[in-house]
Protein backbone atom coordinates (compact mmCIF):
# COMPACT_ATOMS: atom_id res chain seq x y z
CA MET A 1 33.16 65.20 100.85
CA PHE A 2 32.05 68.82 101.17
CA CYS A 3 31.82 70.74 98.41
CA CYS A 4 31.97 75.11 98.54
CA ASN A 5 27.97 74.41 97.22
CA SER A 6 26.54 71.56 98.96
CA PRO A 7 24.35 72.27 102.36
CA GLU A 8 26.80 70.88 104.46
CA ALA A 9 29.48 74.02 103.21
CA SER A 10 26.43 76.00 105.04
CA THR A 11 27.49 74.25 108.62
CA LYS A 12 30.95 74.85 108.93
CA PRO A 13 32.52 77.82 109.73
CA PRO A 14 33.14 80.70 107.37
CA ARG A 15 36.02 79.49 105.39
CA ILE A 16 39.60 81.70 105.86
CA LEU A 17 41.40 82.67 103.05
CA ARG A 18 44.78 81.38 103.45
CA VAL A 19 46.79 84.95 101.42
CA GLY A 20 50.77 84.50 101.62
CA ILE A 21 52.19 87.42 103.73
CA LEU A 22 54.01 89.77 101.18
CA GLU A 23 50.68 89.62 99.09
CA ALA A 24 48.98 91.03 101.79
CA MET A 25 51.75 93.36 102.38
CA LEU A 26 52.11 94.18 98.86
CA ASN A 27 47.58 94.94 98.43
CA PRO A 28 46.88 96.86 101.10
CA ASN A 29 43.12 96.44 99.63
CA LEU A 30 43.64 92.82 99.08
CA GLN A 31 39.83 91.79 100.87
CA LEU A 32 40.43 89.26 103.31
CA ASP A 33 37.44 86.81 104.30
CA LEU A 34 38.66 86.53 107.38
CA GLN A 35 36.77 85.53 110.73
CA PRO A 36 36.34 88.74 112.99
CA GLU A 37 38.35 87.30 115.69
CA LEU A 38 41.10 86.14 113.43
CA GLN A 39 41.49 90.02 111.78
CA PRO A 40 43.60 91.18 114.75
CA LYS A 41 46.01 88.55 114.43
CA LEU A 42 46.79 88.64 111.01
CA GLU A 43 47.10 92.50 111.13
CA ALA A 44 49.24 92.24 113.83
CA LYS A 45 51.30 89.49 111.93
CA LEU A 46 51.54 91.44 108.86
CA ASP A 47 53.51 94.63 111.07
CA ARG A 48 55.63 91.50 112.95
CA ASP A 49 56.65 90.82 109.23
CA HIS A 50 56.84 94.04 108.11
CA CYS A 51 59.18 95.27 111.19
CA LEU A 52 61.37 92.37 109.92
CA GLU A 53 61.59 93.63 106.42
CA ALA A 54 62.87 97.05 107.27
CA GLN A 55 66.45 97.62 107.69
CA CYS A 56 67.84 97.05 111.19
CA PRO A 57 71.07 99.02 112.26
CA ILE A 58 72.23 96.54 113.82
CA GLN A 59 71.73 93.76 111.42
CA PHE A 60 73.10 96.02 108.76
CA VAL A 61 76.33 96.82 110.33
CA LEU A 62 76.70 93.42 111.65
CA ASP A 63 76.24 92.14 107.97
CA LEU A 64 79.04 94.63 107.13
CA LEU A 65 81.49 93.34 109.70
CA GLY A 66 80.25 90.23 110.50
CA ASN A 67 83.17 88.05 109.78
CA LYS A 68 86.35 87.53 111.23
CA TRP A 69 88.54 88.85 109.32
CA SER A 70 86.93 91.88 108.59
CA ILE A 71 87.10 93.47 112.73
CA LEU A 72 90.66 92.74 112.51
CA VAL A 73 91.07 94.51 109.85
CA LEU A 74 90.22 97.30 110.84
CA ARG A 75 91.72 97.13 114.28
CA GLU A 76 94.93 97.67 112.14
CA LEU A 77 94.17 99.85 110.60
CA PHE A 78 93.02 102.07 113.47
CA GLY A 79 96.80 102.56 114.12
CA GLY A 80 97.29 104.02 111.02
CA ASP A 81 97.74 103.48 107.28
CA HIS A 82 99.23 99.67 106.33
CA ARG A 83 100.33 98.23 103.02
CA THR A 84 99.53 94.85 102.64
CA HIS A 85 102.33 92.85 103.47
CA GLU A 86 102.14 94.95 106.90
CA LEU A 87 98.47 93.57 107.41
CA LEU A 88 99.77 89.72 106.35
CA SER A 89 102.22 89.87 108.80
CA ALA A 90 99.88 91.57 112.31
CA LEU A 91 97.03 89.02 110.91
CA PRO A 92 98.72 85.27 111.17
CA GLY A 93 96.34 82.73 109.31
CA ILE A 94 95.29 85.14 106.54
CA SER A 95 95.26 84.54 103.25
CA THR A 96 96.46 86.92 100.80
CA LYS A 97 93.17 86.13 99.13
CA THR A 98 91.37 86.97 102.09
CA LEU A 99 92.79 89.50 102.73
CA THR A 100 92.50 91.43 99.47
CA GLN A 101 88.60 90.62 99.27
CA ARG A 102 87.78 91.72 102.81
CA LEU A 103 89.80 95.48 101.86
CA ARG A 104 87.66 95.49 98.48
CA GLU A 105 84.67 94.84 100.60
CA LEU A 106 85.37 97.36 103.59
CA GLU A 107 86.39 99.76 100.43
CA ALA A 108 82.85 99.05 98.54
CA TYR A 109 81.16 100.21 101.84
CA GLY A 110 83.39 103.36 102.12
CA LEU A 111 85.19 102.10 105.61
CA VAL A 112 88.81 101.91 103.91
CA GLU A 113 90.14 103.88 101.52
CA ARG A 114 92.66 102.48 98.98
CA ARG A 115 95.56 104.76 97.92
CA ILE A 116 98.19 103.34 94.78
CA TYR A 117 100.81 105.24 93.91
CA ALA A 118 102.33 105.53 90.83
CA GLU A 119 105.78 104.05 91.80
CA ILE A 120 107.79 101.04 90.64
CA PRO A 121 106.78 98.52 91.88
CA PRO A 122 103.36 100.09 92.52
CA ARG A 123 103.02 101.17 96.47
CA VAL A 124 99.19 100.50 97.94
CA GLU A 125 98.39 101.71 101.19
CA TYR A 126 95.05 101.80 103.14
CA SER A 127 93.55 103.94 105.63
CA LEU A 128 90.47 104.21 107.48
CA THR A 129 87.80 106.64 105.92
CA SER A 130 86.17 108.99 108.16
CA LYS A 131 82.85 106.76 107.99
CA GLY A 132 85.46 103.84 108.91
CA GLN A 133 86.58 106.12 112.09
CA GLN A 134 83.08 106.25 113.54
CA ILE A 135 83.25 102.48 114.60
CA GLN A 136 86.04 103.06 116.79
CA PRO A 137 84.21 103.49 120.08
CA VAL A 138 82.35 100.09 119.31
CA MET A 139 85.28 98.61 118.57
CA ALA A 140 87.20 100.18 121.90
CA ALA A 141 84.40 98.91 123.77
CA LEU A 142 84.46 95.13 122.73
CA HIS A 143 88.11 95.51 123.53
CA GLN A 144 87.18 96.50 127.07
CA VAL A 145 84.87 93.98 127.42
CA GLY A 146 87.30 91.37 126.02
CA SER A 147 89.55 92.33 128.81
CA GLN A 148 87.21 92.42 131.50
CA TRP A 149 85.89 89.08 130.34
CA LEU A 150 89.69 87.72 129.93
CA GLU A 151 90.41 89.47 133.70
CA GLN A 152 93.84 90.20 132.16
CA ASP A 153 95.43 94.18 131.67
CA PRO A 154 94.41 95.90 128.56
CA CYS A 155 97.13 95.15 125.90
CA ILE A 156 98.52 98.04 124.13
CA CYS A 157 95.82 97.97 120.89
CA PRO A 158 95.29 100.67 118.00
CA LEU A 159 92.06 100.84 118.90
CA ASN A 160 92.96 102.77 122.28
CA GLN A 161 94.23 105.50 120.44
CA VAL A 162 92.69 107.53 117.87
CA VAL A 163 95.14 108.88 114.88
CA THR A 164 93.99 112.44 113.63
CA PRO A 165 95.81 113.73 110.67
CA SER A 166 96.21 117.09 112.56
CA SER A 167 97.06 116.46 115.93
CA GLY A 168 99.22 112.86 115.34
CA THR A 169 97.90 109.88 118.10
CA THR A 170 95.90 110.58 120.90
CA VAL A 171 95.68 108.28 123.89
CA ILE A 172 92.20 107.14 125.06
CA GLY A 173 92.59 104.50 127.39
């Protein structure tokens, strides 16, 4: 058995201090007792791990929209304002609970606006915000690629239309 103070320990290569990546990143003044050839490898690993911690724009958008129903709800809202029952009819298979959850998430992210009208019974309409409309070119590109991969003529889709309050509907494709 080797002991740090034993004579055998001095014949071994210098000991590598095992430091957690997070600890090394949080404490830049940490003195690492590494063999010189291992120092660049650790620094490269720290740089890679730091990049992984930084918010990737693609990952950010996928985290917001990375489920089946959010994308489809947005697709329907590109056709204009919709009430809850209209969205339920347009999205077969979605439950009322799931639709409500997705609409609330999209509203929290600032992509969807909910308007409540003081009527009896209460009327609620959902529409895209200007931030929500920014995803239209990406979704139109997905629609185009999907049509090509399915080898079919493009369907009539709200994504091929841009609804502008001042000029009405403009057909893109």
